[in-house]
């Protein structure tokens, strides 16, 4: 479980925070001060934090997917989308 919790933190720091910070800060720093850079995301981001339980880790992972999709769309960054792979992975989560 702790590895899953750690992976959720990595997703926030390496994927969600940089996209959320685009156009808001010139110095991306992972999740540091993310609550002041993107305060509107705080409620959704809080849902990406899990306790040490299988069901809660799965819930937090699904919340991470939704937050990532939100910040990806808002960022305006052109990313190569692997839509079929993304949908397959999300479907696997249930």
PDB file of N, CA and C in Angstrom:
ATOM      1  N   UNK A   1       0.808  -1.203   0.000  1.00  0.00           N
ATOM      2  CA  UNK A   1       0.000   0.000   0.000  1.00  0.00           C
ATOM      3  C   UNK A   1       0.849   1.265   0.000  1.00  0.00           C
ATOM      4  N   UNK A   2       1.948   1.232   0.732  1.00  0.00           N
ATOM      5  CA  UNK A   2       2.757   2.442   0.836  1.00  0.00           C
ATOM      6  C   UNK A   2       3.418   2.786  -0.492  1.00  0.00           C
ATOM      7  N   UNK A   3       3.715   1.784  -1.292  1.00  0.00           N
ATOM      8  CA  UNK A   3       4.248   2.053  -2.622  1.00  0.00           C
ATOM      9  C   UNK A   3       3.192   2.737  -3.491  1.00  0.00           C
ATOM     10  N   UNK A   4       1.955   2.311  -3.364  1.00  0.00           N
ATOM     11  CA  UNK A   4       0.864   2.944  -4.115  1.00  0.00           C
ATOM     12  C   UNK A   4       0.679   4.386  -3.669  1.00  0.00           C
ATOM     13  N   UNK A   5       0.743   4.620  -2.372  1.00  0.00           N
ATOM     14  CA  UNK A   5       0.607   5.982  -1.857  1.00  0.00           C
ATOM     15  C   UNK A   5       1.746   6.853  -2.379  1.00  0.00           C
ATOM     16  N   UNK A   6       2.959   6.302  -2.401  1.00  0.00           N
ATOM     17  CA  UNK A   6       4.107   7.030  -2.924  1.00  0.00           C
ATOM     18  C   UNK A   6       3.934   7.328  -4.409  1.00  0.00           C
ATOM     19  N   UNK A   7       3.421   6.374  -5.164  1.00  0.00           N
ATOM     20  CA  UNK A   7       3.201   6.575  -6.599  1.00  0.00           C
ATOM     21  C   UNK A   7       2.179   7.677  -6.851  1.00  0.00           C
ATOM     22  N   UNK A   8       1.169   7.762  -6.016  1.00  0.00           N
ATOM     23  CA  UNK A   8       0.182   8.836  -6.156  1.00  0.00           C
ATOM     24  C   UNK A   8       0.840  10.203  -5.950  1.00  0.00           C
ATOM     25  N   UNK A   9       1.770  10.280  -5.012  1.00  0.00           N
ATOM     26  CA  UNK A   9       2.509  11.520  -4.799  1.00  0.00           C
ATOM     27  C   UNK A   9       3.357  11.879  -6.008  1.00  0.00           C
ATOM     28  N   UNK A  10       3.955  10.864  -6.623  1.00  0.00           N
ATOM     29  CA  UNK A  10       4.753  11.087  -7.823  1.00  0.00           C
ATOM     30  C   UNK A  10       3.889  11.595  -8.967  1.00  0.00           C
ATOM     31  N   UNK A  11       2.699  11.056  -9.105  1.00  0.00           N
ATOM     32  CA  UNK A  11       1.783  11.515 -10.158  1.00  0.00           C
ATOM     33  C   UNK A  11       1.448  12.988  -9.952  1.00  0.00           C
ATOM     34  N   UNK A  12       1.180  13.362  -8.698  1.00  0.00           N
ATOM     35  CA  UNK A  12       0.889  14.771  -8.407  1.00  0.00           C
ATOM     36  C   UNK A  12       2.086  15.654  -8.737  1.00  0.00           C
ATOM     37  N   UNK A  13       3.272  15.229  -8.307  1.00  0.00           N
ATOM     38  CA  UNK A  13       4.471  16.059  -8.467  1.00  0.00           C
ATOM     39  C   UNK A  13       4.991  16.107  -9.893  1.00  0.00           C
ATOM     40  N   UNK A  14       4.930  14.992 -10.617  1.00  0.00           N
ATOM     41  CA  UNK A  14       5.549  14.914 -11.935  1.00  0.00           C
ATOM     42  C   UNK A  14       4.605  15.196 -13.092  1.00  0.00           C
ATOM     43  N   UNK A  15       3.310  15.038 -12.886  1.00  0.00           N
ATOM     44  CA  UNK A  15       2.368  15.215 -13.991  1.00  0.00           C
ATOM     45  C   UNK A  15       1.345  16.313 -13.722  1.00  0.00           C
ATOM     46  N   UNK A  16       0.672  16.243 -12.605  1.00  0.00           N
ATOM     47  CA  UNK A  16      -0.416  17.186 -12.338  1.00  0.00           C
ATOM     48  C   UNK A  16       0.111  18.583 -12.036  1.00  0.00           C
ATOM     49  N   UNK A  17       1.051  18.700 -11.111  1.00  0.00           N
ATOM     50  CA  UNK A  17       1.543  20.024 -10.702  1.00  0.00           C
ATOM     51  C   UNK A  17       2.180  20.807 -11.844  1.00  0.00           C
ATOM     52  N   UNK A  18       3.047  20.198 -12.658  1.00  0.00           N
ATOM     53  CA  UNK A  18       3.625  20.982 -13.754  1.00  0.00           C
ATOM     54  C   UNK A  18       2.573  21.511 -14.736  1.00  0.00           C
ATOM     55  N   UNK A  19       1.586  20.692 -15.051  1.00  0.00           N
ATOM     56  CA  UNK A  19       0.534  21.156 -15.960  1.00  0.00           C
ATOM     57  C   UNK A  19      -0.315  22.238 -15.313  1.00  0.00           C
ATOM     58  N   UNK A  20      -0.606  22.094 -14.036  1.00  0.00           N
ATOM     59  CA  UNK A  20      -1.412  23.097 -13.334  1.00  0.00           C
ATOM     60  C   UNK A  20      -0.676  24.419 -13.225  1.00  0.00           C
ATOM     61  N   UNK A  21       0.649  24.382 -13.188  1.00  0.00           N
ATOM     62  CA  UNK A  21       1.431  25.603 -13.032  1.00  0.00           C
ATOM     63  C   UNK A  21       1.702  26.368 -14.311  1.00  0.00           C
ATOM     64  N   UNK A  22       1.396  25.784 -15.452  1.00  0.00           N
ATOM     65  CA  UNK A  22       1.672  26.453 -16.723  1.00  0.00           C
ATOM     66  C   UNK A  22       0.912  27.769 -16.797  1.00  0.00           C
ATOM     67  N   UNK A  23       1.654  28.834 -17.078  1.00  0.00           N
ATOM     68  CA  UNK A  23       1.062  30.159 -17.183  1.00  0.00           C
ATOM     69  C   UNK A  23       0.818  30.838 -15.848  1.00  0.00           C
ATOM     70  N   UNK A  24       1.123  30.155 -14.752  1.00  0.00           N
ATOM     71  CA  UNK A  24       0.879  30.716 -13.422  1.00  0.00           C
ATOM     72  C   UNK A  24       2.170  30.992 -12.677  1.00  0.00           C
ATOM     73  N   UNK A  25       3.230  30.301 -13.062  1.00  0.00           N
ATOM     74  CA  UNK A  25       4.503  30.465 -12.373  1.00  0.00           C
ATOM     75  C   UNK A  25       5.636  30.224 -13.364  1.00  0.00           C
ATOM     76  N   UNK A  26       6.744  30.875 -13.129  1.00  0.00           N
ATOM     77  CA  UNK A  26       7.898  30.673 -13.998  1.00  0.00           C
ATOM     78  C   UNK A  26       8.850  29.638 -13.420  1.00  0.00           C
ATOM     79  N   UNK A  27       8.617  29.236 -12.179  1.00  0.00           N
ATOM     80  CA  UNK A  27       9.482  28.270 -11.511  1.00  0.00           C
ATOM     81  C   UNK A  27       8.690  27.087 -10.991  1.00  0.00           C
ATOM     82  N   UNK A  28       8.435  26.106 -11.837  1.00  0.00           N
ATOM     83  CA  UNK A  28       7.720  24.936 -11.341  1.00  0.00           C
ATOM     84  C   UNK A  28       8.529  24.236 -10.249  1.00  0.00           C
ATOM     85  N   UNK A  29       7.860  23.829  -9.199  1.00  0.00           N
ATOM     86  CA  UNK A  29       8.544  23.178  -8.075  1.00  0.00           C
ATOM     87  C   UNK A  29       7.705  22.025  -7.538  1.00  0.00           C
ATOM     88  N   UNK A  30       7.266  21.133  -8.416  1.00  0.00           N
ATOM     89  CA  UNK A  30       6.437  20.020  -7.972  1.00  0.00           C
ATOM     90  C   UNK A  30       5.148  20.540  -7.345  1.00  0.00           C
ATOM     91  N   UNK A  31       4.790  19.975  -6.222  1.00  0.00           N
ATOM     92  CA  UNK A  31       3.547  20.399  -5.572  1.00  0.00           C
ATOM     93  C   UNK A  31       3.765  21.537  -4.581  1.00  0.00           C
ATOM     94  N   UNK A  32       5.002  22.003  -4.477  1.00  0.00           N
ATOM     95  CA  UNK A  32       5.294  23.094  -3.542  1.00  0.00           C
ATOM     96  C   UNK A  32       4.470  24.329  -3.894  1.00  0.00           C
ATOM     97  N   UNK A  33       3.737  24.793  -2.937  1.00  0.00           N
ATOM     98  CA  UNK A  33       2.861  25.967  -3.058  1.00  0.00           C
ATOM     99  C   UNK A  33       1.774  25.829  -4.132  1.00  0.00           C
ATOM    100  N   UNK A  34       1.472  24.619  -4.523  1.00  0.00           N
ATOM    101  CA  UNK A  34       0.438  24.410  -5.535  1.00  0.00           C
ATOM    102  C   UNK A  34      -0.907  24.961  -5.073  1.00  0.00           C
ATOM    103  N   UNK A  35      -1.161  24.909  -3.756  1.00  0.00           N
ATOM    104  CA  UNK A  35      -2.431  25.417  -3.237  1.00  0.00           C
ATOM    105  C   UNK A  35      -2.558  26.931  -3.421  1.00  0.00           C
ATOM    106  N   UNK A  36      -1.445  27.651  -3.540  1.00  0.00           N
ATOM    107  CA  UNK A  36      -1.523  29.092  -3.799  1.00  0.00           C
ATOM    108  C   UNK A  36      -1.466  29.400  -5.286  1.00  0.00           C
ATOM    109  N   UNK A  37      -0.840  28.525  -6.055  1.00  0.00           N
ATOM    110  CA  UNK A  37      -0.740  28.725  -7.500  1.00  0.00           C
ATOM    111  C   UNK A  37      -2.057  28.379  -8.189  1.00  0.00           C
ATOM    112  N   UNK A  38      -2.712  27.327  -7.732  1.00  0.00           N
ATOM    113  CA  UNK A  38      -3.965  26.867  -8.344  1.00  0.00           C
ATOM    114  C   UNK A  38      -4.971  26.533  -7.251  1.00  0.00           C
ATOM    115  N   UNK A  39      -5.438  27.531  -6.512  1.00  0.00           N
ATOM    116  CA  UNK A  39      -6.330  27.262  -5.373  1.00  0.00           C
ATOM    117  C   UNK A  39      -7.633  26.571  -5.761  1.00  0.00           C
ATOM    118  N   UNK A  40      -8.080  26.769  -6.986  1.00  0.00           N
ATOM    119  CA  UNK A  40      -9.333  26.140  -7.412  1.00  0.00           C
ATOM    120  C   UNK A  40      -9.207  24.620  -7.508  1.00  0.00           C
ATOM    121  N   UNK A  41      -7.974  24.117  -7.564  1.00  0.00           N
ATOM    122  CA  UNK A  41      -7.761  22.669  -7.660  1.00  0.00           C
ATOM    123  C   UNK A  41      -7.660  21.978  -6.308  1.00  0.00           C
ATOM    124  N   UNK A  42      -7.573  22.744  -5.235  1.00  0.00           N
ATOM    125  CA  UNK A  42      -7.360  22.155  -3.906  1.00  0.00           C
ATOM    126  C   UNK A  42      -8.399  21.089  -3.555  1.00  0.00           C
ATOM    127  N   UNK A  43      -9.692  21.337  -3.728  1.00  0.00           N
ATOM    128  CA  UNK A  43     -10.659  20.272  -3.381  1.00  0.00           C
ATOM    129  C   UNK A  43     -10.433  18.982  -4.182  1.00  0.00           C
ATOM    130  N   UNK A  44     -10.169  19.121  -5.476  1.00  0.00           N
ATOM    131  CA  UNK A  44      -9.941  17.934  -6.300  1.00  0.00           C
ATOM    132  C   UNK A  44      -8.609  17.274  -5.949  1.00  0.00           C
ATOM    133  N   UNK A  45      -7.577  18.075  -5.721  1.00  0.00           N
ATOM    134  CA  UNK A  45      -6.274  17.516  -5.354  1.00  0.00           C
ATOM    135  C   UNK A  45      -6.321  16.775  -4.028  1.00  0.00           C
ATOM    136  N   UNK A  46      -7.112  17.265  -3.098  1.00  0.00           N
ATOM    137  CA  UNK A  46      -7.198  16.584  -1.808  1.00  0.00           C
ATOM    138  C   UNK A  46      -7.767  15.181  -1.956  1.00  0.00           C
ATOM    139  N   UNK A  47      -8.538  14.964  -3.004  1.00  0.00           N
ATOM    140  CA  UNK A  47      -9.095  13.639  -3.257  1.00  0.00           C
ATOM    141  C   UNK A  47      -8.056  12.667  -3.813  1.00  0.00           C
ATOM    142  N   UNK A  48      -6.891  13.186  -4.238  1.00  0.00           N
ATOM    143  CA  UNK A  48      -5.838  12.327  -4.790  1.00  0.00           C
ATOM    144  C   UNK A  48      -4.905  11.791  -3.708  1.00  0.00           C
ATOM    145  N   UNK A  49      -5.169  12.138  -2.453  1.00  0.00           N
ATOM    146  CA  UNK A  49      -4.367  11.662  -1.325  1.00  0.00           C
ATOM    147  C   UNK A  49      -5.080  10.457  -0.716  1.00  0.00           C
ATOM    148  N   UNK A  50      -4.338   9.360  -0.558  1.00  0.00           N
ATOM    149  CA  UNK A  50      -4.942   8.112  -0.071  1.00  0.00           C
ATOM    150  C   UNK A  50      -4.455   7.755   1.322  1.00  0.00           C
ATOM    151  N   UNK A  51      -5.274   6.981   2.001  1.00  0.00           N
ATOM    152  CA  UNK A  51      -4.851   6.342   3.242  1.00  0.00           C
ATOM    153  C   UNK A  51      -4.336   4.948   2.879  1.00  0.00           C
ATOM    154  N   UNK A  52      -3.820   4.221   3.848  1.00  0.00           N
ATOM    155  CA  UNK A  52      -3.222   2.914   3.597  1.00  0.00           C
ATOM    156  C   UNK A  52      -4.282   1.815   3.509  1.00  0.00           C
ATOM    157  N   UNK A  53      -5.057   1.869   2.449  1.00  0.00           N
ATOM    158  CA  UNK A  53      -6.063   0.848   2.201  1.00  0.00           C
ATOM    159  C   UNK A  53      -6.262   0.674   0.705  1.00  0.00           C
ATOM    160  N   UNK A  54      -6.502  -0.542   0.290  1.00  0.00           N
ATOM    161  CA  UNK A  54      -6.632  -0.844  -1.147  1.00  0.00           C
ATOM    162  C   UNK A  54      -7.721  -0.007  -1.815  1.00  0.00           C
ATOM    163  N   UNK A  55      -8.888   0.017  -1.224  1.00  0.00           N
ATOM    164  CA  UNK A  55     -10.007   0.745  -1.823  1.00  0.00           C
ATOM    165  C   UNK A  55      -9.733   2.246  -1.881  1.00  0.00           C
ATOM    166  N   UNK A  56      -9.100   2.765  -0.830  1.00  0.00           N
ATOM    167  CA  UNK A  56      -8.827   4.200  -0.817  1.00  0.00           C
ATOM    168  C   UNK A  56      -7.749   4.562  -1.832  1.00  0.00           C
ATOM    169  N   UNK A  57      -6.762   3.692  -2.019  1.00  0.00           N
ATOM    170  CA  UNK A  57      -5.740   3.939  -3.040  1.00  0.00           C
ATOM    171  C   UNK A  57      -6.367   3.937  -4.434  1.00  0.00           C
ATOM    172  N   UNK A  58      -7.287   3.027  -4.681  1.00  0.00           N
ATOM    173  CA  UNK A  58      -7.970   2.982  -5.971  1.00  0.00           C
ATOM    174  C   UNK A  58      -8.817   4.240  -6.171  1.00  0.00           C
ATOM    175  N   UNK A  59      -9.514   4.658  -5.141  1.00  0.00           N
ATOM    176  CA  UNK A  59     -10.320   5.881  -5.217  1.00  0.00           C
ATOM    177  C   UNK A  59      -9.431   7.082  -5.531  1.00  0.00           C
ATOM    178  N   UNK A  60      -8.285   7.179  -4.849  1.00  0.00           N
ATOM    179  CA  UNK A  60      -7.371   8.296  -5.064  1.00  0.00           C
ATOM    180  C   UNK A  60      -6.756   8.254  -6.459  1.00  0.00           C
ATOM    181  N   UNK A  61      -6.492   7.063  -6.967  1.00  0.00           N
ATOM    182  CA  UNK A  61      -5.953   6.934  -8.317  1.00  0.00           C
ATOM    183  C   UNK A  61      -6.972   7.413  -9.348  1.00  0.00           C
ATOM    184  N   UNK A  62      -8.226   7.024  -9.176  1.00  0.00           N
ATOM    185  CA  UNK A  62      -9.280   7.487 -10.092  1.00  0.00           C
ATOM    186  C   UNK A  62      -9.418   9.006 -10.018  1.00  0.00           C
ATOM    187  N   UNK A  63      -9.316   9.569  -8.819  1.00  0.00           N
ATOM    188  CA  UNK A  63      -9.372  11.029  -8.666  1.00  0.00           C
ATOM    189  C   UNK A  63      -8.178  11.678  -9.351  1.00  0.00           C
ATOM    190  N   UNK A  64      -7.013  11.046  -9.281  1.00  0.00           N
ATOM    191  CA  UNK A  64      -5.818  11.569  -9.943  1.00  0.00           C
ATOM    192  C   UNK A  64      -5.997  11.613 -11.454  1.00  0.00           C
ATOM    193  N   UNK A  65      -6.628  10.593 -12.001  1.00  0.00           N
ATOM    194  CA  UNK A  65      -6.905  10.562 -13.441  1.00  0.00           C
ATOM    195  C   UNK A  65      -7.774  11.755 -13.828  1.00  0.00           C
ATOM    196  N   UNK A  66      -8.805  12.014 -13.053  1.00  0.00           N
ATOM    197  CA  UNK A  66      -9.710  13.126 -13.367  1.00  0.00           C
ATOM    198  C   UNK A  66      -9.013  14.480 -13.242  1.00  0.00           C
ATOM    199  N   UNK A  67      -8.206  14.657 -12.203  1.00  0.00           N
ATOM    200  CA  UNK A  67      -7.487  15.924 -12.039  1.00  0.00           C
ATOM    201  C   UNK A  67      -6.485  16.092 -13.176  1.00  0.00           C
ATOM    202  N   UNK A  68      -5.775  15.026 -13.527  1.00  0.00           N
ATOM    203  CA  UNK A  68      -4.823  15.095 -14.637  1.00  0.00           C
ATOM    204  C   UNK A  68      -5.527  15.501 -15.922  1.00  0.00           C
ATOM    205  N   UNK A  69      -6.647  14.872 -16.215  1.00  0.00           N
ATOM    206  CA  UNK A  69      -7.387  15.223 -17.432  1.00  0.00           C
ATOM    207  C   UNK A  69      -7.815  16.685 -17.416  1.00  0.00           C
ATOM    208  N   UNK A  70      -8.230  17.168 -16.274  1.00  0.00           N
ATOM    209  CA  UNK A  70      -8.646  18.569 -16.145  1.00  0.00           C
ATOM    210  C   UNK A  70      -7.488  19.515 -16.419  1.00  0.00           C
ATOM    211  N   UNK A  71      -6.356  19.303 -15.757  1.00  0.00           N
ATOM    212  CA  UNK A  71      -5.229  20.219 -15.946  1.00  0.00           C
ATOM    213  C   UNK A  71      -4.617  20.078 -17.334  1.00  0.00           C
ATOM    214  N   UNK A  72      -4.670  18.892 -17.903  1.00  0.00           N
ATOM    215  CA  UNK A  72      -4.170  18.695 -19.272  1.00  0.00           C
ATOM    216  C   UNK A  72      -4.967  19.542 -20.246  1.00  0.00           C
ATOM    217  N   UNK A  73      -6.277  19.535 -20.097  1.00  0.00           N
ATOM    218  CA  UNK A  73      -7.129  20.319 -20.994  1.00  0.00           C
ATOM    219  C   UNK A  73      -6.930  21.816 -20.796  1.00  0.00           C
ATOM    220  N   UNK A  74      -6.847  22.247 -19.543  1.00  0.00           N
ATOM    221  CA  UNK A  74      -6.705  23.671 -19.240  1.00  0.00           C
ATOM    222  C   UNK A  74      -5.337  24.227 -19.609  1.00  0.00           C
ATOM    223  N   UNK A  75      -4.321  23.373 -19.634  1.00  0.00           N
ATOM    224  CA  UNK A  75      -2.951  23.846 -19.839  1.00  0.00           C
ATOM    225  C   UNK A  75      -2.709  24.374 -21.249  1.00  0.00           C
ATOM    226  N   UNK A  76      -3.420  23.833 -22.209  1.00  0.00           N
ATOM    227  CA  UNK A  76      -3.199  24.229 -23.592  1.00  0.00           C
ATOM    228  C   UNK A  76      -1.964  23.590 -24.210  1.00  0.00           C
ATOM    229  N   UNK A  77      -1.290  22.745 -23.464  1.00  0.00           N
ATOM    230  CA  UNK A  77      -0.096  22.064 -23.962  1.00  0.00           C
ATOM    231  C   UNK A  77      -0.514  21.001 -24.970  1.00  0.00           C
ATOM    232  N   UNK A  78       0.192  20.972 -26.074  1.00  0.00           N
ATOM    233  CA  UNK A  78      -0.071  19.947 -27.075  1.00  0.00           C
ATOM    234  C   UNK A  78       0.637  18.663 -26.658  1.00  0.00           C
ATOM    235  N   UNK A  79      -0.136  17.654 -26.356  1.00  0.00           N
ATOM    236  CA  UNK A  79       0.425  16.358 -25.983  1.00  0.00           C
ATOM    237  C   UNK A  79      -0.041  15.314 -26.988  1.00  0.00           C
ATOM    238  N   UNK A  80       0.809  14.336 -27.207  1.00  0.00           N
ATOM    239  CA  UNK A  80       0.425  13.219 -28.061  1.00  0.00           C
ATOM    240  C   UNK A  80      -0.502  12.350 -27.236  1.00  0.00           C
ATOM    241  N   UNK A  81      -1.701  12.218 -27.704  1.00  0.00           N
ATOM    242  CA  UNK A  81      -2.692  11.431 -26.950  1.00  0.00           C
ATOM    243  C   UNK A  81      -2.761  10.023 -27.492  1.00  0.00           C
ATOM    244  N   UNK A  82      -2.731   9.116 -26.587  1.00  0.00           N
ATOM    245  CA  UNK A  82      -2.927   7.697 -26.899  1.00  0.00           C
ATOM    246  C   UNK A  82      -4.290   7.342 -26.315  1.00  0.00           C
ATOM    247  N   UNK A  83      -5.321   7.828 -26.979  1.00  0.00           N
ATOM    248  CA  UNK A  83      -6.678   7.734 -26.455  1.00  0.00           C
ATOM    249  C   UNK A  83      -7.086   6.298 -26.150  1.00  0.00           C
ATOM    250  N   UNK A  84      -6.791   5.386 -27.057  1.00  0.00           N
ATOM    251  CA  UNK A  84      -7.177   3.988 -26.833  1.00  0.00           C
ATOM    252  C   UNK A  84      -6.477   3.423 -25.601  1.00  0.00           C
ATOM    253  N   UNK A  85      -5.212   3.725 -25.440  1.00  0.00           N
ATOM    254  CA  UNK A  85      -4.465   3.243 -24.272  1.00  0.00           C
ATOM    255  C   UNK A  85      -4.997   3.877 -22.997  1.00  0.00           C
ATOM    256  N   UNK A  86      -5.288   5.171 -23.064  1.00  0.00           N
ATOM    257  CA  UNK A  86      -5.823   5.864 -21.888  1.00  0.00           C
ATOM    258  C   UNK A  86      -7.149   5.262 -21.466  1.00  0.00           C
ATOM    259  N   UNK A  87      -8.025   5.064 -22.411  1.00  0.00           N
ATOM    260  CA  UNK A  87      -9.333   4.494 -22.093  1.00  0.00           C
ATOM    261  C   UNK A  87      -9.219   3.066 -21.573  1.00  0.00           C
ATOM    262  N   UNK A  88      -8.315   2.274 -22.158  1.00  0.00           N
ATOM    263  CA  UNK A  88      -8.122   0.909 -21.681  1.00  0.00           C
ATOM    264  C   UNK A  88      -7.626   0.887 -20.237  1.00  0.00           C
ATOM    265  N   UNK A  89      -6.697   1.786 -19.920  1.00  0.00           N
ATOM    266  CA  UNK A  89      -6.165   1.845 -18.562  1.00  0.00           C
ATOM    267  C   UNK A  89      -7.239   2.283 -17.570  1.00  0.00           C
ATOM    268  N   UNK A  90      -8.035   3.282 -17.944  1.00  0.00           N
ATOM    269  CA  UNK A  90      -9.096   3.763 -17.064  1.00  0.00           C
ATOM    270  C   UNK A  90     -10.171   2.700 -16.903  1.00  0.00           C
ATOM    271  N   UNK A  91     -10.519   2.012 -17.989  1.00  0.00           N
ATOM    272  CA  UNK A  91     -11.502   0.935 -17.902  1.00  0.00           C
ATOM    273  C   UNK A  91     -11.025  -0.192 -16.978  1.00  0.00           C
ATOM    274  N   UNK A  92      -9.722  -0.472 -17.008  1.00  0.00           N
ATOM    275  CA  UNK A  92      -9.159  -1.506 -16.152  1.00  0.00           C
ATOM    276  C   UNK A  92      -9.353  -1.167 -14.675  1.00  0.00           C
ATOM    277  N   UNK A  93      -9.302   0.126 -14.350  1.00  0.00           N
ATOM    278  CA  UNK A  93      -9.472   0.545 -12.969  1.00  0.00           C
ATOM    279  C   UNK A  93     -10.894   0.312 -12.473  1.00  0.00           C
ATOM    280  N   UNK A  94     -11.815   0.249 -13.413  1.00  0.00           N
ATOM    281  CA  UNK A  94     -13.208  -0.025 -13.027  1.00  0.00           C
ATOM    282  C   UNK A  94     -14.066   1.161 -12.840  1.00  0.00           C
TER     283      UNK A  94
END
